[in-house]
């Protein structure tokens, strides 16, 4: 059974992967070795933990798949998104620990 959380996770992964794919395609056509991308993180999402974890995990997946271009990834948060900022800080070590255990 697919839940709303599953749908949210799938949507986040699809958005991140397509965004990075377009940046990489543009970089390869322009023969660039480094590219930057920034994501404005919405403040309307109530599942902040899922949002942060899925964004971080998919970005790491895309970086691991793409070796031809170095990516600099930035996140844009509003000043009142402190809880979401904290979720990002918590998600990074969690994702790194999961990836390191394989």
C-alpha atoms as a PDB file:
ATOM      1  CA  UNK A   1       0.000   0.000   0.000  1.00  0.00           C
ATOM      2  CA  UNK A   2       1.393   3.382  -1.007  1.00  0.00           C
ATOM      3  CA  UNK A   3       1.084   6.068   1.640  1.00  0.00           C
ATOM      4  CA  UNK A   4       1.249   9.835   1.316  1.00  0.00           C
ATOM      5  CA  UNK A   5       4.757   9.647   2.786  1.00  0.00           C
ATOM      6  CA  UNK A   6       5.779   7.191   0.053  1.00  0.00           C
ATOM      7  CA  UNK A   7       4.346   9.483  -2.598  1.00  0.00           C
ATOM      8  CA  UNK A   8       6.175  12.460  -1.075  1.00  0.00           C
ATOM      9  CA  UNK A   9       9.452  10.513  -1.001  1.00  0.00           C
ATOM     10  CA  UNK A  10       9.050   9.431  -4.629  1.00  0.00           C
ATOM     11  CA  UNK A  11       8.235  12.982  -5.723  1.00  0.00           C
ATOM     12  CA  UNK A  12      11.250  14.430  -3.926  1.00  0.00           C
ATOM     13  CA  UNK A  13      13.618  11.837  -5.412  1.00  0.00           C
ATOM     14  CA  UNK A  14      12.225  12.403  -8.909  1.00  0.00           C
ATOM     15  CA  UNK A  15      12.527  16.191  -8.627  1.00  0.00           C
ATOM     16  CA  UNK A  16      16.100  16.070  -7.314  1.00  0.00           C
ATOM     17  CA  UNK A  17      17.287  13.473  -9.835  1.00  0.00           C
ATOM     18  CA  UNK A  18      15.761  15.316 -12.815  1.00  0.00           C
ATOM     19  CA  UNK A  19      17.129  18.674 -11.644  1.00  0.00           C
ATOM     20  CA  UNK A  20      20.641  17.319 -11.255  1.00  0.00           C
ATOM     21  CA  UNK A  21      20.357  15.417 -14.550  1.00  0.00           C
ATOM     22  CA  UNK A  22      19.532  18.658 -16.408  1.00  0.00           C
ATOM     23  CA  UNK A  23      22.440  20.476 -14.758  1.00  0.00           C
ATOM     24  CA  UNK A  24      24.828  17.667 -15.688  1.00  0.00           C
ATOM     25  CA  UNK A  25      23.592  17.545 -19.292  1.00  0.00           C
ATOM     26  CA  UNK A  26      24.112  21.303 -19.586  1.00  0.00           C
ATOM     27  CA  UNK A  27      27.591  21.020 -18.054  1.00  0.00           C
ATOM     28  CA  UNK A  28      28.617  18.273 -20.443  1.00  0.00           C
ATOM     29  CA  UNK A  29      27.382  20.232 -23.461  1.00  0.00           C
ATOM     30  CA  UNK A  30      29.342  23.276 -22.281  1.00  0.00           C
ATOM     31  CA  UNK A  31      32.355  21.075 -21.426  1.00  0.00           C
ATOM     32  CA  UNK A  32      32.353  22.218 -17.789  1.00  0.00           C
ATOM     33  CA  UNK A  33      33.946  20.157 -15.037  1.00  0.00           C
ATOM     34  CA  UNK A  34      32.119  21.843 -12.150  1.00  0.00           C
ATOM     35  CA  UNK A  35      28.574  23.038 -11.745  1.00  0.00           C
ATOM     36  CA  UNK A  36      26.484  24.583  -8.982  1.00  0.00           C
ATOM     37  CA  UNK A  37      22.848  23.993  -8.199  1.00  0.00           C
ATOM     38  CA  UNK A  38      20.685  25.529  -5.482  1.00  0.00           C
ATOM     39  CA  UNK A  39      17.418  24.199  -4.136  1.00  0.00           C
ATOM     40  CA  UNK A  40      14.908  26.489  -2.461  1.00  0.00           C
ATOM     41  CA  UNK A  41      13.283  24.308   0.148  1.00  0.00           C
ATOM     42  CA  UNK A  42       9.526  24.849   0.521  1.00  0.00           C
ATOM     43  CA  UNK A  43       8.148  25.948   3.846  1.00  0.00           C
ATOM     44  CA  UNK A  44       4.741  24.398   3.209  1.00  0.00           C
ATOM     45  CA  UNK A  45       5.809  20.784   3.760  1.00  0.00           C
ATOM     46  CA  UNK A  46       4.829  19.431   7.166  1.00  0.00           C
ATOM     47  CA  UNK A  47       6.928  16.243   6.880  1.00  0.00           C
ATOM     48  CA  UNK A  48      10.229  18.064   7.343  1.00  0.00           C
ATOM     49  CA  UNK A  49      12.192  14.964   8.364  1.00  0.00           C
ATOM     50  CA  UNK A  50      11.137  13.068   5.223  1.00  0.00           C
ATOM     51  CA  UNK A  51      11.840  16.130   3.079  1.00  0.00           C
ATOM     52  CA  UNK A  52      15.353  16.611   4.447  1.00  0.00           C
ATOM     53  CA  UNK A  53      16.298  12.922   4.414  1.00  0.00           C
ATOM     54  CA  UNK A  54      15.045  12.288   0.880  1.00  0.00           C
ATOM     55  CA  UNK A  55      16.701  15.407  -0.535  1.00  0.00           C
ATOM     56  CA  UNK A  56      20.056  14.582   1.068  1.00  0.00           C
ATOM     57  CA  UNK A  57      19.894  10.896   0.137  1.00  0.00           C
ATOM     58  CA  UNK A  58      18.979  11.539  -3.501  1.00  0.00           C
ATOM     59  CA  UNK A  59      21.659  14.198  -3.894  1.00  0.00           C
ATOM     60  CA  UNK A  60      24.244  11.755  -2.552  1.00  0.00           C
ATOM     61  CA  UNK A  61      22.946   9.071  -4.938  1.00  0.00           C
ATOM     62  CA  UNK A  62      23.210  11.438  -7.896  1.00  0.00           C
ATOM     63  CA  UNK A  63      26.719  12.555  -6.931  1.00  0.00           C
ATOM     64  CA  UNK A  64      27.816   8.916  -6.656  1.00  0.00           C
ATOM     65  CA  UNK A  65      26.365   8.109 -10.085  1.00  0.00           C
ATOM     66  CA  UNK A  66      27.792  11.197 -11.758  1.00  0.00           C
ATOM     67  CA  UNK A  67      31.555  11.280 -11.790  1.00  0.00           C
ATOM     68  CA  UNK A  68      32.046  13.480 -14.883  1.00  0.00           C
ATOM     69  CA  UNK A  69      31.007  16.750 -13.213  1.00  0.00           C
ATOM     70  CA  UNK A  70      31.734  18.033  -9.723  1.00  0.00           C
ATOM     71  CA  UNK A  71      28.602  19.427  -8.144  1.00  0.00           C
ATOM     72  CA  UNK A  72      28.267  22.163  -5.560  1.00  0.00           C
ATOM     73  CA  UNK A  73      24.822  21.860  -4.001  1.00  0.00           C
ATOM     74  CA  UNK A  74      23.258  24.621  -1.914  1.00  0.00           C
ATOM     75  CA  UNK A  75      20.003  24.774   0.002  1.00  0.00           C
ATOM     76  CA  UNK A  76      18.062  28.002   0.418  1.00  0.00           C
ATOM     77  CA  UNK A  77      16.007  28.197   3.601  1.00  0.00           C
ATOM     78  CA  UNK A  78      14.013  31.064   5.024  1.00  0.00           C
ATOM     79  CA  UNK A  79      15.063  32.455   8.414  1.00  0.00           C
ATOM     80  CA  UNK A  80      11.949  31.000  10.055  1.00  0.00           C
ATOM     81  CA  UNK A  81      12.725  27.451   8.844  1.00  0.00           C
ATOM     82  CA  UNK A  82      14.929  26.567  11.822  1.00  0.00           C
ATOM     83  CA  UNK A  83      13.198  23.219  12.379  1.00  0.00           C
ATOM     84  CA  UNK A  84      13.790  22.246   8.753  1.00  0.00           C
ATOM     85  CA  UNK A  85      17.407  23.403   9.050  1.00  0.00           C
ATOM     86  CA  UNK A  86      17.798  21.137  12.069  1.00  0.00           C
ATOM     87  CA  UNK A  87      16.298  18.225  10.107  1.00  0.00           C
ATOM     88  CA  UNK A  88      18.913  18.754   7.381  1.00  0.00           C
ATOM     89  CA  UNK A  89      21.673  18.755   9.996  1.00  0.00           C
ATOM     90  CA  UNK A  90      20.296  15.505  11.439  1.00  0.00           C
ATOM     91  CA  UNK A  91      19.813  13.875   8.017  1.00  0.00           C
ATOM     92  CA  UNK A  92      23.386  14.289   6.802  1.00  0.00           C
ATOM     93  CA  UNK A  93      25.065  12.069   9.429  1.00  0.00           C
ATOM     94  CA  UNK A  94      22.199   9.552   9.230  1.00  0.00           C
ATOM     95  CA  UNK A  95      22.570   9.139   5.474  1.00  0.00           C
ATOM     96  CA  UNK A  96      26.368   8.988   5.749  1.00  0.00           C
ATOM     97  CA  UNK A  97      26.151   6.285   8.429  1.00  0.00           C
ATOM     98  CA  UNK A  98      23.738   4.200   6.354  1.00  0.00           C
ATOM     99  CA  UNK A  99      25.930   4.512   3.244  1.00  0.00           C
ATOM    100  CA  UNK A 100      29.122   3.689   5.184  1.00  0.00           C
ATOM    101  CA  UNK A 101      27.641   0.467   6.561  1.00  0.00           C
ATOM    102  CA  UNK A 102      27.421  -1.155   3.111  1.00  0.00           C
END
